[in-house]
Amino acid sequence: MLRLCLISLFLITACTQVPELDERIGPELQGKPFPKLVPLEQTLGPPADPEDEAKKLAANLDGRRAALEAKAQRLRQAVHDEGEDTDVNETITE
């Protein structure tokens, strides 16, 4: 029974109509030669050094951390004027 199912499946897929590639190519490309294939290594160039990339990323993150710490410190040191020390609830109800 399994053998019959597999053979039937194969026969059904063999009857499928696949569109021809020639029908998808426009008339302006019909007579043109196929493009030259080049090795992938030439196209991509040299691979990046993982250690160098990690150092750059660490330096970038350290700089961002320092900037955020400085901003947080400035926010902590914000000085309120004496006249602005009103209660928030009083300001909202007015």
C-alpha atoms as a PDB file:
ATOM      1  CA  MET A   1       0.000   0.000   0.000  1.00  0.00           C
ATOM      2  CA  LEU A   2       2.812   2.390   0.891  1.00  0.00           C
ATOM      3  CA  ARG A   3       4.575   1.528  -2.341  1.00  0.00           C
ATOM      4  CA  LEU A   4       1.428   2.327  -4.332  1.00  0.00           C
ATOM      5  CA  CYS A   5       1.056   5.700  -2.567  1.00  0.00           C
ATOM      6  CA  LEU A   6       4.659   6.641  -3.305  1.00  0.00           C
ATOM      7  CA  ILE A   7       4.361   5.654  -6.959  1.00  0.00           C
ATOM      8  CA  SER A   8       1.105   7.614  -7.265  1.00  0.00           C
ATOM      9  CA  LEU A   9       2.694  10.659  -5.666  1.00  0.00           C
ATOM     10  CA  PHE A  10       5.643  10.460  -8.042  1.00  0.00           C
ATOM     11  CA  LEU A  11       3.385  10.127 -11.086  1.00  0.00           C
ATOM     12  CA  ILE A  12       1.228  13.069 -10.020  1.00  0.00           C
ATOM     13  CA  THR A  13       4.255  15.324  -9.557  1.00  0.00           C
ATOM     14  CA  ALA A  14       5.691  14.180 -12.886  1.00  0.00           C
ATOM     15  CA  CYS A  15       2.564  15.474 -14.636  1.00  0.00           C
ATOM     16  CA  THR A  16       2.962  18.984 -13.216  1.00  0.00           C
ATOM     17  CA  GLN A  17       3.501  21.644 -15.851  1.00  0.00           C
ATOM     18  CA  VAL A  18       6.505  23.781 -15.001  1.00  0.00           C
ATOM     19  CA  PRO A  19       6.767  27.086 -16.869  1.00  0.00           C
ATOM     20  CA  GLU A  20       9.670  27.182 -19.267  1.00  0.00           C
ATOM     21  CA  LEU A  21      12.425  29.636 -18.476  1.00  0.00           C
ATOM     22  CA  ASP A  22      12.572  30.719 -22.102  1.00  0.00           C
ATOM     23  CA  GLU A  23       9.100  32.214 -21.745  1.00  0.00           C
ATOM     24  CA  ARG A  24      10.222  34.415 -18.845  1.00  0.00           C
ATOM     25  CA  ILE A  25      13.180  35.964 -20.686  1.00  0.00           C
ATOM     26  CA  GLY A  26      12.316  39.110 -22.610  1.00  0.00           C
ATOM     27  CA  PRO A  27      13.117  39.452 -26.317  1.00  0.00           C
ATOM     28  CA  GLU A  28      15.931  41.929 -25.587  1.00  0.00           C
ATOM     29  CA  LEU A  29      17.818  39.214 -23.649  1.00  0.00           C
ATOM     30  CA  GLN A  30      17.056  36.228 -25.905  1.00  0.00           C
ATOM     31  CA  GLY A  31      20.298  36.275 -27.907  1.00  0.00           C
ATOM     32  CA  LYS A  32      22.602  37.664 -25.222  1.00  0.00           C
ATOM     33  CA  PRO A  33      25.347  35.493 -23.689  1.00  0.00           C
ATOM     34  CA  PHE A  34      25.117  34.393 -20.075  1.00  0.00           C
ATOM     35  CA  PRO A  35      26.986  36.728 -17.654  1.00  0.00           C
ATOM     36  CA  LYS A  36      30.494  35.723 -16.625  1.00  0.00           C
ATOM     37  CA  LEU A  37      30.598  33.982 -13.256  1.00  0.00           C
ATOM     38  CA  VAL A  38      33.272  35.102 -10.794  1.00  0.00           C
ATOM     39  CA  PRO A  39      34.394  33.434  -7.566  1.00  0.00           C
ATOM     40  CA  LEU A  40      32.540  34.620  -4.495  1.00  0.00           C
ATOM     41  CA  GLU A  41      35.791  35.445  -2.672  1.00  0.00           C
ATOM     42  CA  GLN A  42      36.625  38.090  -5.288  1.00  0.00           C
ATOM     43  CA  THR A  43      33.211  39.659  -4.979  1.00  0.00           C
ATOM     44  CA  LEU A  44      33.049  39.798  -1.178  1.00  0.00           C
ATOM     45  CA  GLY A  45      36.627  40.854  -0.506  1.00  0.00           C
ATOM     46  CA  PRO A  46      38.688  39.858   2.520  1.00  0.00           C
ATOM     47  CA  PRO A  47      36.777  38.654   5.591  1.00  0.00           C
ATOM     48  CA  ALA A  48      36.546  40.963   8.598  1.00  0.00           C
ATOM     49  CA  ASP A  49      38.820  40.272  11.557  1.00  0.00           C
ATOM     50  CA  PRO A  50      36.551  39.216  14.450  1.00  0.00           C
ATOM     51  CA  GLU A  51      38.955  40.520  17.110  1.00  0.00           C
ATOM     52  CA  ASP A  52      39.199  43.923  15.436  1.00  0.00           C
ATOM     53  CA  GLU A  53      35.420  44.107  15.041  1.00  0.00           C
ATOM     54  CA  ALA A  54      34.978  43.164  18.717  1.00  0.00           C
ATOM     55  CA  LYS A  55      37.401  45.911  19.802  1.00  0.00           C
ATOM     56  CA  LYS A  56      35.544  48.492  17.696  1.00  0.00           C
ATOM     57  CA  LEU A  57      32.210  47.392  19.124  1.00  0.00           C
ATOM     58  CA  ALA A  58      33.542  47.475  22.694  1.00  0.00           C
ATOM     59  CA  ALA A  59      34.943  50.981  22.175  1.00  0.00           C
ATOM     60  CA  ASN A  60      31.628  52.146  20.728  1.00  0.00           C
ATOM     61  CA  LEU A  61      29.666  50.671  23.632  1.00  0.00           C
ATOM     62  CA  ASP A  62      32.091  52.130  26.189  1.00  0.00           C
ATOM     63  CA  GLY A  63      31.641  55.573  24.640  1.00  0.00           C
ATOM     64  CA  ARG A  64      27.869  55.265  24.693  1.00  0.00           C
ATOM     65  CA  ARG A  65      27.952  54.074  28.315  1.00  0.00           C
ATOM     66  CA  ALA A  66      30.133  57.025  29.336  1.00  0.00           C
ATOM     67  CA  ALA A  67      27.799  59.474  27.583  1.00  0.00           C
ATOM     68  CA  LEU A  68      24.747  57.962  29.289  1.00  0.00           C
ATOM     69  CA  GLU A  69      26.454  58.007  32.688  1.00  0.00           C
ATOM     70  CA  ALA A  70      27.367  61.682  32.206  1.00  0.00           C
ATOM     71  CA  LYS A  71      23.792  62.495  31.225  1.00  0.00           C
ATOM     72  CA  ALA A  72      22.459  60.625  34.269  1.00  0.00           C
ATOM     73  CA  GLN A  73      24.865  62.510  36.521  1.00  0.00           C
ATOM     74  CA  ARG A  74      23.713  65.860  35.082  1.00  0.00           C
ATOM     75  CA  LEU A  75      20.102  64.870  35.687  1.00  0.00           C
ATOM     76  CA  ARG A  76      20.878  63.888  39.285  1.00  0.00           C
ATOM     77  CA  GLN A  77      22.567  67.234  39.917  1.00  0.00           C
ATOM     78  CA  ALA A  78      19.726  69.329  38.525  1.00  0.00           C
ATOM     79  CA  VAL A  79      19.097  72.185  40.927  1.00  0.00           C
ATOM     80  CA  HIS A  80      15.550  73.337  41.584  1.00  0.00           C
ATOM     81  CA  ASP A  81      14.956  77.014  42.130  1.00  0.00           C
ATOM     82  CA  GLU A  82      13.551  77.881  45.530  1.00  0.00           C
ATOM     83  CA  GLY A  83      10.396  79.356  43.995  1.00  0.00           C
ATOM     84  CA  GLU A  84       9.653  76.183  42.056  1.00  0.00           C
ATOM     85  CA  ASP A  85       9.405  73.905  45.088  1.00  0.00           C
ATOM     86  CA  THR A  86       5.617  73.796  44.957  1.00  0.00           C
ATOM     87  CA  ASP A  87       3.647  70.643  45.426  1.00  0.00           C
ATOM     88  CA  VAL A  88       2.838  68.860  42.175  1.00  0.00           C
ATOM     89  CA  ASN A  89      -0.747  68.258  43.257  1.00  0.00           C
ATOM     90  CA  GLU A  90      -1.292  71.981  43.886  1.00  0.00           C
ATOM     91  CA  THR A  91      -0.025  72.822  40.403  1.00  0.00           C
ATOM     92  CA  ILE A  92      -2.333  70.297  38.763  1.00  0.00           C
ATOM     93  CA  THR A  93      -5.472  71.411  40.631  1.00  0.00           C
ATOM     94  CA  GLU A  94      -5.019  75.082  39.783  1.00  0.00           C
END
